[in-house]
Amino acid sequence: MIVDADVHAVIPSIETLFPYLTAPWIEYVEQSGFKGPVDTPYPKAPTSARPGSGTSLQHLREQALDPLKVDHAIVNCSYAVESIHNPDTDIALARAVNDWLVAEWLDKEPRLRASIIVPSKQPAAAAREIDRVAADRRFVQLYLPVRSYLPYGKRHFHPIFEAAVRHDLVVGLHFGGAPGNPPTSVGWPSYYLEEYAGMAQAFQSQLQSMVVEGLFDRFPALRVTCVEGGFAWLPPFLWRLDKEWKGLQREVPWTKRLPSEYVREHVRFTIQPADLPPDPARLGRLVEQVGGEEVLLFASDYPHVHDDPPVQLLTPKIMGSNAAAFYGRIG
């Protein structure tokens, strides 16, 4: 089995969602001039689209699914509903995106699975949307942008994770997000290069929050995939977190094990972008340090462009069996 753990569906305009919105919301959009969430983690930059790629289902088939003979691919839609301040609009658009994914992607291509879009700023409403959609087992994951207005480990978000566990969904922490706060801990950067390269800091902050706040202790069945965040940063990050936990564990007594043990049990990482060391001989050591090839999942990240992963990362486990085991609903 070959499983592509990250391909993208793009909504070209809010009018695309009109068939999945009720009449009052269509009227609201037409009369107000609202363009939908326009923030995107993929501006016109060299990393955003490989040459000749497109955003249609046909492009996905011809350039990602068919060449590799992919059995299943998980579709992620980075439609920034979290950037919307009107809570009712946030909910309505999240529902519309999920219905659009079903009608235009899942129903038309049996190899596809998808991630549920939720109004993540409103955990109770997000849980209701998960309950509404999760009966369709082609949804295998919950999409949470890694940039959020609060760290996801906080108790405020418990309803979201409780719903994910209840429906046997993996939580996908995905590159990007537009919550309205800066993408760095010291304010706004000047250039996209800074935001793109610094996104690993957001993944580290979220994993740290989840472990330290006891999320995996409260929800022992919770499974998380870091999507499009790389993994080469993991060994030094876990080393430092383990080291400080040993001295400060009394502050968080509900954590019973080293942070690295929680991460290696509950978290997986897609291999794009790999961000590998320049010396190929060090790759085996890196994979060993992150927890072995068992924690890595193949992803093309279509249509975004990164260096092709080395053949050492294209093992049967990474290409498919890891995802098949981790995503209980993927078969």
C-alpha atoms as a PDB file:
ATOM      1  CA  MET A   1       0.000   0.000   0.000  1.00  0.00           C
ATOM      2  CA  ILE A   2       1.144   3.541  -0.809  1.00  0.00           C
ATOM      3  CA  VAL A   3      -0.408   6.350   1.233  1.00  0.00           C
ATOM      4  CA  ASP A   4       0.248   9.998   0.439  1.00  0.00           C
ATOM      5  CA  ALA A   5      -0.400  11.749   3.749  1.00  0.00           C
ATOM      6  CA  ASP A   6      -0.652  15.278   2.356  1.00  0.00           C
ATOM      7  CA  VAL A   7      -2.117  16.573  -0.897  1.00  0.00           C
ATOM      8  CA  HIS A   8      -3.978  19.842  -1.258  1.00  0.00           C
ATOM      9  CA  ALA A   9      -7.370  20.985  -2.481  1.00  0.00           C
ATOM     10  CA  VAL A  10      -7.725  24.707  -3.170  1.00  0.00           C
ATOM     11  CA  ILE A  11     -10.912  26.780  -3.115  1.00  0.00           C
ATOM     12  CA  PRO A  12     -10.423  29.381  -5.877  1.00  0.00           C
ATOM     13  CA  SER A  13     -13.088  31.793  -4.615  1.00  0.00           C
ATOM     14  CA  ILE A  14     -15.887  31.948  -2.090  1.00  0.00           C
ATOM     15  CA  GLU A  15     -18.381  31.559  -4.932  1.00  0.00           C
ATOM     16  CA  THR A  16     -17.142  27.965  -5.230  1.00  0.00           C
ATOM     17  CA  LEU A  17     -18.867  27.308  -1.910  1.00  0.00           C
ATOM     18  CA  PHE A  18     -22.269  28.767  -2.904  1.00  0.00           C
ATOM     19  CA  PRO A  19     -23.805  25.310  -3.599  1.00  0.00           C
ATOM     20  CA  TYR A  20     -22.941  24.374  -0.016  1.00  0.00           C
ATOM     21  CA  LEU A  21     -24.135  27.569   1.697  1.00  0.00           C
ATOM     22  CA  THR A  22     -27.714  28.442   2.618  1.00  0.00           C
ATOM     23  CA  ALA A  23     -29.466  31.322   0.836  1.00  0.00           C
ATOM     24  CA  PRO A  24     -28.935  33.879   3.660  1.00  0.00           C
ATOM     25  CA  TRP A  25     -25.178  33.314   3.564  1.00  0.00           C
ATOM     26  CA  ILE A  26     -25.050  33.671  -0.217  1.00  0.00           C
ATOM     27  CA  GLU A  27     -26.980  36.903   0.089  1.00  0.00           C
ATOM     28  CA  TYR A  28     -24.600  38.062   2.821  1.00  0.00           C
ATOM     29  CA  VAL A  29     -21.575  37.430   0.607  1.00  0.00           C
ATOM     30  CA  GLU A  30     -23.091  39.080  -2.461  1.00  0.00           C
ATOM     31  CA  GLN A  31     -24.299  42.195  -0.659  1.00  0.00           C
ATOM     32  CA  SER A  32     -21.331  42.738   1.654  1.00  0.00           C
ATOM     33  CA  GLY A  33     -18.552  42.109  -0.843  1.00  0.00           C
ATOM     34  CA  PHE A  34     -17.004  39.579   1.550  1.00  0.00           C
ATOM     35  CA  LYS A  35     -14.320  37.630  -0.302  1.00  0.00           C
ATOM     36  CA  GLY A  36     -13.892  34.848   2.226  1.00  0.00           C
ATOM     37  CA  PRO A  37     -10.651  34.196   4.094  1.00  0.00           C
ATOM     38  CA  VAL A  38      -7.946  35.624   1.871  1.00  0.00           C
ATOM     39  CA  ASP A  39      -4.978  34.820   4.123  1.00  0.00           C
ATOM     40  CA  THR A  40      -2.952  31.904   2.790  1.00  0.00           C
ATOM     41  CA  PRO A  41       0.245  30.169   3.883  1.00  0.00           C
ATOM     42  CA  TYR A  42       1.057  29.686   0.191  1.00  0.00           C
ATOM     43  CA  PRO A  43       1.673  33.037  -1.521  1.00  0.00           C
ATOM     44  CA  LYS A  44       3.195  33.195  -4.985  1.00  0.00           C
ATOM     45  CA  ALA A  45       6.592  31.882  -3.954  1.00  0.00           C
ATOM     46  CA  PRO A  46       8.920  29.184  -5.343  1.00  0.00           C
ATOM     47  CA  THR A  47       7.805  26.764  -2.609  1.00  0.00           C
ATOM     48  CA  SER A  48       4.091  27.105  -3.324  1.00  0.00           C
ATOM     49  CA  ALA A  49       3.640  25.337  -6.677  1.00  0.00           C
ATOM     50  CA  ARG A  50       5.808  22.965  -8.647  1.00  0.00           C
ATOM     51  CA  PRO A  51       6.174  23.739 -12.380  1.00  0.00           C
ATOM     52  CA  GLY A  52       3.191  22.579 -14.395  1.00  0.00           C
ATOM     53  CA  SER A  53       1.093  21.766 -11.346  1.00  0.00           C
ATOM     54  CA  GLY A  54      -2.523  22.767 -10.872  1.00  0.00           C
ATOM     55  CA  THR A  55      -5.283  22.743  -8.311  1.00  0.00           C
ATOM     56  CA  SER A  56      -7.881  20.565 -10.043  1.00  0.00           C
ATOM     57  CA  LEU A  57      -8.693  16.956  -9.268  1.00  0.00           C
ATOM     58  CA  GLN A  58      -7.434  16.020 -12.721  1.00  0.00           C
ATOM     59  CA  HIS A  59      -4.061  17.620 -12.003  1.00  0.00           C
ATOM     60  CA  LEU A  60      -3.873  15.672  -8.759  1.00  0.00           C
ATOM     61  CA  ARG A  61      -4.645  12.398 -10.514  1.00  0.00           C
ATOM     62  CA  GLU A  62      -2.187  12.908 -13.365  1.00  0.00           C
ATOM     63  CA  GLN A  63       0.723  14.342 -11.385  1.00  0.00           C
ATOM     64  CA  ALA A  64       0.494  12.782  -7.917  1.00  0.00           C
ATOM     65  CA  LEU A  65      -1.823   9.771  -7.669  1.00  0.00           C
ATOM     66  CA  ASP A  66      -1.252   7.905 -10.931  1.00  0.00           C
ATOM     67  CA  PRO A  67       2.559   8.175 -11.321  1.00  0.00           C
ATOM     68  CA  LEU A  68       3.192   6.549  -7.935  1.00  0.00           C
ATOM     69  CA  LYS A  69       0.148   4.267  -8.071  1.00  0.00           C
ATOM     70  CA  VAL A  70      -1.057   5.747  -4.788  1.00  0.00           C
ATOM     71  CA  ASP A  71      -3.692   3.679  -2.983  1.00  0.00           C
ATOM     72  CA  HIS A  72      -4.917   6.489  -0.728  1.00  0.00           C
ATOM     73  CA  ALA A  73      -4.126  10.189  -0.366  1.00  0.00           C
ATOM     74  CA  ILE A  74      -5.253  12.531   2.409  1.00  0.00           C
ATOM     75  CA  VAL A  75      -6.611  15.828   1.094  1.00  0.00           C
ATOM     76  CA  ASN A  76      -5.981  18.939   3.165  1.00  0.00           C
ATOM     77  CA  CYS A  77      -7.682  22.248   2.421  1.00  0.00           C
ATOM     78  CA  SER A  78      -5.859  25.246   3.873  1.00  0.00           C
ATOM     79  CA  TYR A  79      -8.902  27.532   3.856  1.00  0.00           C
ATOM     80  CA  ALA A  80      -8.198  29.944   6.692  1.00  0.00           C
ATOM     81  CA  VAL A  81     -11.548  29.961   8.491  1.00  0.00           C
ATOM     82  CA  GLU A  82      -9.601  30.716  11.685  1.00  0.00           C
ATOM     83  CA  SER A  83      -8.907  34.209  10.292  1.00  0.00           C
ATOM     84  CA  ILE A  84     -12.619  35.120  10.341  1.00  0.00           C
ATOM     85  CA  HIS A  85     -13.765  37.165  13.342  1.00  0.00           C
ATOM     86  CA  ASN A  86     -17.504  36.664  12.852  1.00  0.00           C
ATOM     87  CA  PRO A  87     -18.168  33.386  14.723  1.00  0.00           C
ATOM     88  CA  ASP A  88     -21.245  32.490  12.677  1.00  0.00           C
ATOM     89  CA  THR A  89     -19.438  32.993   9.388  1.00  0.00           C
ATOM     90  CA  ASP A  90     -16.560  30.889  10.701  1.00  0.00           C
ATOM     91  CA  ILE A  91     -18.924  27.986  11.370  1.00  0.00           C
ATOM     92  CA  ALA A  92     -20.854  28.334   8.101  1.00  0.00           C
ATOM     93  CA  LEU A  93     -17.737  28.318   5.930  1.00  0.00           C
ATOM     94  CA  ALA A  94     -16.162  25.379   7.753  1.00  0.00           C
ATOM     95  CA  ARG A  95     -19.343  23.364   7.104  1.00  0.00           C
ATOM     96  CA  ALA A  96     -19.388  24.426   3.463  1.00  0.00           C
ATOM     97  CA  VAL A  97     -15.753  23.424   2.920  1.00  0.00           C
ATOM     98  CA  ASN A  98     -16.374  19.955   4.335  1.00  0.00           C
ATOM     99  CA  ASP A  99     -19.449  19.456   2.135  1.00  0.00           C
ATOM    100  CA  TRP A 100     -17.462  20.709  -0.878  1.00  0.00           C
ATOM    101  CA  LEU A 101     -14.678  18.198  -0.131  1.00  0.00           C
ATOM    102  CA  VAL A 102     -17.225  15.386  -0.112  1.00  0.00           C
ATOM    103  CA  ALA A 103     -18.991  16.397  -3.333  1.00  0.00           C
ATOM    104  CA  GLU A 104     -16.066  17.564  -5.447  1.00  0.00           C
ATOM    105  CA  TRP A 105     -13.212  15.354  -4.244  1.00  0.00           C
ATOM    106  CA  LEU A 106     -14.190  12.298  -2.195  1.00  0.00           C
ATOM    107  CA  ASP A 107     -17.222  11.336  -4.282  1.00  0.00           C
ATOM    108  CA  LYS A 108     -15.264  11.739  -7.520  1.00  0.00           C
ATOM    109  CA  GLU A 109     -12.057   9.914  -6.587  1.00  0.00           C
ATOM    110  CA  PRO A 110     -12.246   6.740  -4.447  1.00  0.00           C
ATOM    111  CA  ARG A 111      -8.557   6.868  -3.572  1.00  0.00           C
ATOM    112  CA  LEU A 112      -8.986  10.077  -1.609  1.00  0.00           C
ATOM    113  CA  ARG A 113      -9.465  10.557   2.112  1.00  0.00           C
ATOM    114  CA  ALA A 114      -9.776  13.982   3.741  1.00  0.00           C
ATOM    115  CA  SER A 115      -9.262  16.151   6.800  1.00  0.00           C
ATOM    116  CA  ILE A 116     -12.190  17.858   8.523  1.00  0.00           C
ATOM    117  CA  ILE A 117     -12.055  21.656   8.617  1.00  0.00           C
ATOM    118  CA  VAL A 118     -13.345  23.104  11.900  1.00  0.00           C
ATOM    119  CA  PRO A 119     -13.877  26.560  13.447  1.00  0.00           C
ATOM    120  CA  SER A 120     -10.925  25.980  15.761  1.00  0.00           C
ATOM    121  CA  LYS A 121     -11.374  29.233  17.704  1.00  0.00           C
ATOM    122  CA  GLN A 122     -14.711  27.838  18.921  1.00  0.00           C
ATOM    123  CA  PRO A 123     -14.021  24.393  20.387  1.00  0.00           C
ATOM    124  CA  ALA A 124     -17.656  23.532  21.164  1.00  0.00           C
ATOM    125  CA  ALA A 125     -18.728  24.415  17.628  1.00  0.00           C
ATOM    126  CA  ALA A 126     -15.716  22.547  16.246  1.00  0.00           C
ATOM    127  CA  ALA A 127     -16.742  19.425  18.153  1.00  0.00           C
ATOM    128  CA  ARG A 128     -20.262  19.677  16.730  1.00  0.00           C
ATOM    129  CA  GLU A 129     -18.864  19.898  13.200  1.00  0.00           C
ATOM    130  CA  ILE A 130     -16.708  16.833  13.839  1.00  0.00           C
ATOM    131  CA  ASP A 131     -19.785  14.964  15.061  1.00  0.00           C
ATOM    132  CA  ARG A 132     -21.708  16.053  11.943  1.00  0.00           C
ATOM    133  CA  VAL A 133     -19.075  14.995   9.435  1.00  0.00           C
ATOM    134  CA  ALA A 134     -17.260  12.061  11.014  1.00  0.00           C
ATOM    135  CA  ALA A 135     -19.937   9.516  10.131  1.00  0.00           C
ATOM    136  CA  ASP A 136     -18.370   9.623   6.659  1.00  0.00           C
ATOM    137  CA  ARG A 137     -15.361   7.407   7.250  1.00  0.00           C
ATOM    138  CA  ARG A 138     -13.542   8.906   4.296  1.00  0.00           C
ATOM    139  CA  PHE A 139     -12.667  11.705   6.730  1.00  0.00           C
ATOM    140  CA  VAL A 140      -9.653  10.279   8.557  1.00  0.00           C
ATOM    141  CA  GLN A 141      -8.155  13.392  10.096  1.00  0.00           C
ATOM    142  CA  LEU A 142      -8.963  16.680  11.787  1.00  0.00           C
ATOM    143  CA  TYR A 143      -7.210  19.700  10.251  1.00  0.00           C
ATOM    144  CA  LEU A 144      -5.729  22.169  12.752  1.00  0.00           C
ATOM    145  CA  PRO A 145      -3.418  24.924  11.455  1.00  0.00           C
ATOM    146  CA  VAL A 146      -0.223  24.851  13.465  1.00  0.00           C
ATOM    147  CA  ARG A 147      -0.419  28.600  13.998  1.00  0.00           C
ATOM    148  CA  SER A 148      -3.202  29.255  16.506  1.00  0.00           C
ATOM    149  CA  TYR A 149      -4.261  32.043  18.829  1.00  0.00           C
ATOM    150  CA  LEU A 150      -3.564  29.807  21.866  1.00  0.00           C
ATOM    151  CA  PRO A 151      -1.423  26.676  22.237  1.00  0.00           C
ATOM    152  CA  TYR A 152      -3.548  23.605  21.570  1.00  0.00           C
ATOM    153  CA  GLY A 153      -2.585  21.888  24.815  1.00  0.00           C
ATOM    154  CA  LYS A 154      -4.710  24.309  26.836  1.00  0.00           C
ATOM    155  CA  ARG A 155      -7.922  22.974  28.403  1.00  0.00           C
ATOM    156  CA  HIS A 156      -9.909  25.395  26.274  1.00  0.00           C
ATOM    157  CA  PHE A 157      -9.408  23.019  23.315  1.00  0.00           C
ATOM    158  CA  HIS A 158     -10.362  19.787  25.088  1.00  0.00           C
ATOM    159  CA  PRO A 159     -13.749  19.472  23.300  1.00  0.00           C
ATOM    160  CA  ILE A 160     -11.945  19.289  19.954  1.00  0.00           C
ATOM    161  CA  PHE A 161      -9.590  16.515  21.010  1.00  0.00           C
ATOM    162  CA  GLU A 162     -12.325  14.645  22.844  1.00  0.00           C
ATOM    163  CA  ALA A 163     -14.350  14.589  19.603  1.00  0.00           C
ATOM    164  CA  ALA A 164     -11.332  13.503  17.559  1.00  0.00           C
ATOM    165  CA  VAL A 165     -10.686  10.567  19.871  1.00  0.00           C
ATOM    166  CA  ARG A 166     -14.374   9.670  20.004  1.00  0.00           C
ATOM    167  CA  HIS A 167     -14.435   9.297  16.224  1.00  0.00           C
ATOM    168  CA  ASP A 168     -10.996   7.663  15.872  1.00  0.00           C
ATOM    169  CA  LEU A 169      -9.626  10.651  13.949  1.00  0.00           C
ATOM    170  CA  VAL A 170      -5.978  11.633  13.784  1.00  0.00           C
ATOM    171  CA  VAL A 171      -5.312  15.307  14.528  1.00  0.00           C
ATOM    172  CA  GLY A 172      -3.277  16.879  11.722  1.00  0.00           C
ATOM    173  CA  LEU A 173      -1.200  19.861  12.794  1.00  0.00           C
ATOM    174  CA  HIS A 174      -0.661  21.487   9.430  1.00  0.00           C
ATOM    175  CA  PHE A 175       1.762  24.153   8.229  1.00  0.00           C
ATOM    176  CA  GLY A 176       0.255  27.648   8.258  1.00  0.00           C
ATOM    177  CA  GLY A 177      -2.663  29.347   9.896  1.00  0.00           C
ATOM    178  CA  ALA A 178      -3.904  32.921  10.179  1.00  0.00           C
ATOM    179  CA  PRO A 179      -5.145  33.449  13.745  1.00  0.00           C
ATOM    180  CA  GLY A 180      -4.274  37.156  13.818  1.00  0.00           C
ATOM    181  CA  ASN A 181      -1.227  36.986  16.066  1.00  0.00           C
ATOM    182  CA  PRO A 182       2.429  37.046  14.918  1.00  0.00           C
ATOM    183  CA  PRO A 183       4.030  33.814  13.701  1.00  0.00           C
ATOM    184  CA  THR A 184       7.056  34.312  15.972  1.00  0.00           C
ATOM    185  CA  SER A 185       7.351  34.792  19.723  1.00  0.00           C
ATOM    186  CA  VAL A 186       8.954  38.219  19.235  1.00  0.00           C
ATOM    187  CA  GLY A 187       6.546  39.824  16.779  1.00  0.00           C
ATOM    188  CA  TRP A 188       5.928  40.149  13.079  1.00  0.00           C
ATOM    189  CA  PRO A 189       8.661  39.263  10.561  1.00  0.00           C
ATOM    190  CA  SER A 190       9.294  41.359   7.470  1.00  0.00           C
ATOM    191  CA  TYR A 191       9.542  38.626   4.854  1.00  0.00           C
ATOM    192  CA  TYR A 192       7.855  35.371   3.872  1.00  0.00           C
ATOM    193  CA  LEU A 193      11.245  33.658   4.058  1.00  0.00           C
ATOM    194  CA  GLU A 194      11.256  34.285   7.819  1.00  0.00           C
ATOM    195  CA  GLU A 195       7.746  32.939   8.267  1.00  0.00           C
ATOM    196  CA  TYR A 196       8.375  29.886   6.087  1.00  0.00           C
ATOM    197  CA  ALA A 197      11.673  28.922   7.717  1.00  0.00           C
ATOM    198  CA  GLY A 198      10.397  29.732  11.198  1.00  0.00           C
ATOM    199  CA  MET A 199       7.269  27.583  11.030  1.00  0.00           C
ATOM    200  CA  ALA A 200       9.188  24.784  12.760  1.00  0.00           C
ATOM    201  CA  GLN A 201       9.051  26.930  15.904  1.00  0.00           C
ATOM    202  CA  ALA A 202       5.247  26.744  15.833  1.00  0.00           C
ATOM    203  CA  PHE A 203       5.323  22.947  15.573  1.00  0.00           C
ATOM    204  CA  GLN A 204       7.710  22.795  18.519  1.00  0.00           C
ATOM    205  CA  SER A 205       5.533  25.100  20.597  1.00  0.00           C
ATOM    206  CA  GLN A 206       2.402  23.043  19.908  1.00  0.00           C
ATOM    207  CA  LEU A 207       4.042  19.715  20.742  1.00  0.00           C
ATOM    208  CA  GLN A 208       5.520  21.196  23.905  1.00  0.00           C
ATOM    209  CA  SER A 209       2.100  22.508  24.932  1.00  0.00           C
ATOM    210  CA  MET A 210       0.372  19.194  24.256  1.00  0.00           C
ATOM    211  CA  VAL A 211       2.860  17.240  26.347  1.00  0.00           C
ATOM    212  CA  VAL A 212       3.292  19.679  29.233  1.00  0.00           C
ATOM    213  CA  GLU A 213      -0.425  20.450  29.582  1.00  0.00           C
ATOM    214  CA  GLY A 214      -1.098  16.707  29.840  1.00  0.00           C
ATOM    215  CA  LEU A 215      -3.149  16.301  26.670  1.00  0.00           C
ATOM    216  CA  PHE A 216      -1.859  12.798  25.998  1.00  0.00           C
ATOM    217  CA  ASP A 217      -2.448  11.808  29.628  1.00  0.00           C
ATOM    218  CA  ARG A 218      -6.045  12.996  29.452  1.00  0.00           C
ATOM    219  CA  PHE A 219      -6.628  11.425  26.023  1.00  0.00           C
ATOM    220  CA  PRO A 220      -4.406   8.308  25.869  1.00  0.00           C
ATOM    221  CA  ALA A 221      -5.785   7.332  22.439  1.00  0.00           C
ATOM    222  CA  LEU A 222      -4.996  10.727  20.880  1.00  0.00           C
ATOM    223  CA  ARG A 223      -2.893  10.559  17.725  1.00  0.00           C
ATOM    224  CA  VAL A 224      -1.267  13.581  16.071  1.00  0.00           C
ATOM    225  CA  THR A 225       0.501  14.039  12.742  1.00  0.00           C
ATOM    226  CA  CYS A 226       2.739  17.038  12.100  1.00  0.00           C
ATOM    227  CA  VAL A 227       2.042  17.757   8.433  1.00  0.00           C
ATOM    228  CA  GLU A 228       4.416  19.736   6.245  1.00  0.00           C
ATOM    229  CA  GLY A 229       6.543  20.783   9.195  1.00  0.00           C
ATOM    230  CA  GLY A 230       9.691  18.767   8.624  1.00  0.00           C
ATOM    231  CA  PHE A 231      11.288  16.567  11.259  1.00  0.00           C
ATOM    232  CA  ALA A 232      15.036  17.291  11.311  1.00  0.00           C
ATOM    233  CA  TRP A 233      14.470  19.761  14.175  1.00  0.00           C
ATOM    234  CA  LEU A 234      13.013  17.050  16.404  1.00  0.00           C
ATOM    235  CA  PRO A 235      16.136  15.541  18.088  1.00  0.00           C
ATOM    236  CA  PRO A 236      17.568  18.771  19.602  1.00  0.00           C
ATOM    237  CA  PHE A 237      14.079  19.949  20.544  1.00  0.00           C
ATOM    238  CA  LEU A 238      13.239  16.727  22.396  1.00  0.00           C
ATOM    239  CA  TRP A 239      16.669  16.596  24.022  1.00  0.00           C
ATOM    240  CA  ARG A 240      16.154  20.072  25.480  1.00  0.00           C
ATOM    241  CA  LEU A 241      12.570  19.384  26.549  1.00  0.00           C
ATOM    242  CA  ASP A 242      13.552  16.111  28.243  1.00  0.00           C
ATOM    243  CA  LYS A 243      16.433  17.829  30.015  1.00  0.00           C
ATOM    244  CA  GLU A 244      14.318  20.654  31.429  1.00  0.00           C
ATOM    245  CA  TRP A 245      11.450  18.302  32.321  1.00  0.00           C
ATOM    246  CA  LYS A 246      13.781  16.316  34.568  1.00  0.00           C
ATOM    247  CA  GLY A 247      14.396  19.421  36.659  1.00  0.00           C
ATOM    248  CA  LEU A 248      10.886  20.886  36.538  1.00  0.00           C
ATOM    249  CA  GLN A 249       8.575  17.870  36.396  1.00  0.00           C
ATOM    250  CA  ARG A 250       7.239  18.744  39.868  1.00  0.00           C
ATOM    251  CA  GLU A 251       5.494  21.732  38.214  1.00  0.00           C
ATOM    252  CA  VAL A 252       3.551  19.382  35.914  1.00  0.00           C
ATOM    253  CA  PRO A 253       3.165  16.204  37.999  1.00  0.00           C
ATOM    254  CA  TRP A 254       0.533  14.768  35.654  1.00  0.00           C
ATOM    255  CA  THR A 255       3.270  14.040  33.119  1.00  0.00           C
ATOM    256  CA  LYS A 256       4.613  10.645  34.129  1.00  0.00           C
ATOM    257  CA  ARG A 257       7.112  10.038  31.336  1.00  0.00           C
ATOM    258  CA  LEU A 258       9.792  11.872  29.407  1.00  0.00           C
ATOM    259  CA  PRO A 259       8.323  14.264  26.808  1.00  0.00           C
ATOM    260  CA  SER A 260      10.165  12.387  24.065  1.00  0.00           C
ATOM    261  CA  GLU A 261       8.316   9.199  24.994  1.00  0.00           C
ATOM    262  CA  TYR A 262       4.931  10.896  24.581  1.00  0.00           C
ATOM    263  CA  VAL A 263       5.928  12.296  21.196  1.00  0.00           C
ATOM    264  CA  ARG A 264       7.286   9.022  19.847  1.00  0.00           C
ATOM    265  CA  GLU A 265       4.174   7.140  20.932  1.00  0.00           C
ATOM    266  CA  HIS A 266       1.501   9.629  19.864  1.00  0.00           C
ATOM    267  CA  VAL A 267       2.998  11.740  17.034  1.00  0.00           C
ATOM    268  CA  ARG A 268       4.004  11.105  13.436  1.00  0.00           C
ATOM    269  CA  PHE A 269       5.737  13.389  10.912  1.00  0.00           C
ATOM    270  CA  THR A 270       5.350  13.705   7.157  1.00  0.00           C
ATOM    271  CA  ILE A 271       8.609  13.657   5.252  1.00  0.00           C
ATOM    272  CA  GLN A 272       7.988  16.828   3.220  1.00  0.00           C
ATOM    273  CA  PRO A 273       9.820  19.129   3.588  1.00  0.00           C
ATOM    274  CA  ALA A 274      12.559  16.783   4.756  1.00  0.00           C
ATOM    275  CA  ASP A 275      15.167  19.509   5.544  1.00  0.00           C
ATOM    276  CA  LEU A 276      17.854  16.849   5.653  1.00  0.00           C
ATOM    277  CA  PRO A 277      21.551  17.227   6.515  1.00  0.00           C
ATOM    278  CA  PRO A 278      23.779  17.773   3.467  1.00  0.00           C
ATOM    279  CA  ASP A 279      25.762  14.612   4.230  1.00  0.00           C
ATOM    280  CA  PRO A 280      23.613  11.619   3.181  1.00  0.00           C
ATOM    281  CA  ALA A 281      25.594   9.391   5.532  1.00  0.00           C
ATOM    282  CA  ARG A 282      24.025  11.179   8.479  1.00  0.00           C
ATOM    283  CA  LEU A 283      20.468  10.430   7.389  1.00  0.00           C
ATOM    284  CA  GLY A 284      20.341   7.042   9.101  1.00  0.00           C
ATOM    285  CA  ARG A 285      21.485   8.601  12.358  1.00  0.00           C
ATOM    286  CA  LEU A 286      18.847  11.313  12.071  1.00  0.00           C
ATOM    287  CA  VAL A 287      16.057   8.801  11.467  1.00  0.00           C
ATOM    288  CA  GLU A 288      17.247   6.839  14.489  1.00  0.00           C
ATOM    289  CA  GLN A 289      17.231   9.980  16.627  1.00  0.00           C
ATOM    290  CA  VAL A 290      13.662  10.949  15.699  1.00  0.00           C
ATOM    291  CA  GLY A 291      12.429   7.514  16.774  1.00  0.00           C
ATOM    292  CA  GLY A 292      13.052   5.328  13.752  1.00  0.00           C
ATOM    293  CA  GLU A 293      11.291   5.107  10.430  1.00  0.00           C
ATOM    294  CA  GLU A 294       8.092   4.088  12.264  1.00  0.00           C
ATOM    295  CA  VAL A 295       7.345   7.764  13.049  1.00  0.00           C
ATOM    296  CA  LEU A 296       7.653   8.989   9.437  1.00  0.00           C
ATOM    297  CA  LEU A 297       4.907   9.156   6.792  1.00  0.00           C
ATOM    298  CA  PHE A 298       5.295   9.638   3.061  1.00  0.00           C
ATOM    299  CA  ALA A 299       3.755  12.826   1.658  1.00  0.00           C
ATOM    300  CA  SER A 300       4.137  14.495  -1.709  1.00  0.00           C
ATOM    301  CA  ASP A 301       2.631  17.778  -0.438  1.00  0.00           C
ATOM    302  CA  TYR A 302       1.218  18.248  -3.960  1.00  0.00           C
ATOM    303  CA  PRO A 303       1.265  20.827  -5.519  1.00  0.00           C
ATOM    304  CA  HIS A 304       3.881  22.440  -3.300  1.00  0.00           C
ATOM    305  CA  VAL A 305       7.491  21.949  -4.215  1.00  0.00           C
ATOM    306  CA  HIS A 306      10.386  20.699  -2.095  1.00  0.00           C
ATOM    307  CA  ASP A 307      13.516  18.707  -2.795  1.00  0.00           C
ATOM    308  CA  ASP A 308      12.655  15.090  -3.586  1.00  0.00           C
ATOM    309  CA  PRO A 309      13.183  12.855  -0.529  1.00  0.00           C
ATOM    310  CA  PRO A 310      16.154  10.466  -0.776  1.00  0.00           C
ATOM    311  CA  VAL A 311      15.475   6.841  -1.563  1.00  0.00           C
ATOM    312  CA  GLN A 312      16.384   5.921   2.037  1.00  0.00           C
ATOM    313  CA  LEU A 313      13.085   7.524   3.097  1.00  0.00           C
ATOM    314  CA  LEU A 314      11.008   5.569   0.576  1.00  0.00           C
ATOM    315  CA  THR A 315      10.833   2.321   2.520  1.00  0.00           C
ATOM    316  CA  PRO A 316       7.645   0.214   2.582  1.00  0.00           C
ATOM    317  CA  LYS A 317       6.910   1.385   6.131  1.00  0.00           C
ATOM    318  CA  ILE A 318       7.254   5.083   5.341  1.00  0.00           C
ATOM    319  CA  MET A 319       5.490   4.797   1.980  1.00  0.00           C
ATOM    320  CA  GLY A 320       2.373   3.185   3.347  1.00  0.00           C
ATOM    321  CA  SER A 321       2.252   0.747   6.237  1.00  0.00           C
ATOM    322  CA  ASN A 322       3.000   3.380   8.894  1.00  0.00           C
ATOM    323  CA  ALA A 323       0.026   5.472   7.770  1.00  0.00           C
ATOM    324  CA  ALA A 324      -2.210   2.425   7.415  1.00  0.00           C
ATOM    325  CA  ALA A 325      -1.460   1.507  11.028  1.00  0.00           C
ATOM    326  CA  PHE A 326      -1.710   5.040  12.408  1.00  0.00           C
ATOM    327  CA  TYR A 327      -4.893   6.092  10.594  1.00  0.00           C
ATOM    328  CA  GLY A 328      -7.420   3.511  11.703  1.00  0.00           C
ATOM    329  CA  ARG A 329     -10.021   4.735   9.188  1.00  0.00           C
ATOM    330  CA  ILE A 330      -7.835   4.885   6.114  1.00  0.00           C
ATOM    331  CA  GLY A 331      -8.540   1.473   4.605  1.00  0.00           C
END
